[in-house]
Amino acid sequence: MQGSDDGIKLTRREVLVAGATAVAAGGVPGAFALAADATAPAAARAPVMSKVSFTVNGKAHALEVDTRTTLLDALREHLRLTGTKKGCDHGQCGACTVIAGGRRINACLSLAVMHEGDTITTIEGLGTPDKLHPMQRAFVKHDGYQCGYCTPGQICSAVAVLDEIKAGVPSHVSADLAARPRATADELRERMSGNICRCGAYSNIVDAISEVAGRRA
């Protein structure tokens, strides 16, 4: 940007900076207050740490975490159990399903500090490549996955579903389904509806769960 004949030259950036400085120096109401407030929340947001102890896949763990840490992040970031996946992070897809205290939960919606003394099972605790859980073997046999991202949550949920049926726990929508002596395809679809498979392997997933349910029956 060229000035007058006195030879003064300013770049566009220098003009903008000079203008902003002039506005602030001119006493625009709240200008300095806003600048001060921008630094104030830093101290207020200092993390509150808390200790929590629980058993994961048969092994006791004691952690010190930010009280805002979800169970999902505690498992993945602190314990390095990355089999449990972070999908939507809003409790809508089921990719983060684990079994805590005998119940399947969305780990992304639960704080780690809420699980003091709990027993938690993740996909790593169900089986190993050398010794697969029956549900894992059934998923492999029936091609109950494509990309595989949702599969850990699907399998954990499926294992818990059969335990729910055995215990007579009603499904969330149709309580009468629990009265049936064996798991029907409709019942399994209903109970597994919180686990989303974006690849669309639902029929194969139902086949895999049905096979394991039949063995148990």
Foldseek 3Di string as FASTA:
>chain_A
DADPPVGDDDDPVRVVVVVVVVVVVVCDPCPVVVVVVVPVCVVVVDFDWDWAWEAELNRIDIDIDRQPAFQLCCCCVVVVVPCQDDDPLPLQAQSRWKAKQLRTDRRSVHTRRVRHHIYIYFLVSQADPVGHHLLVVLCVVLVLADPCSSVRRLSNQLVSVLVCLVVLPAQPPDRVCSVDPFDDLVNVCRSSVRHDHPVPSSVSSSRSSNVVRVVVD
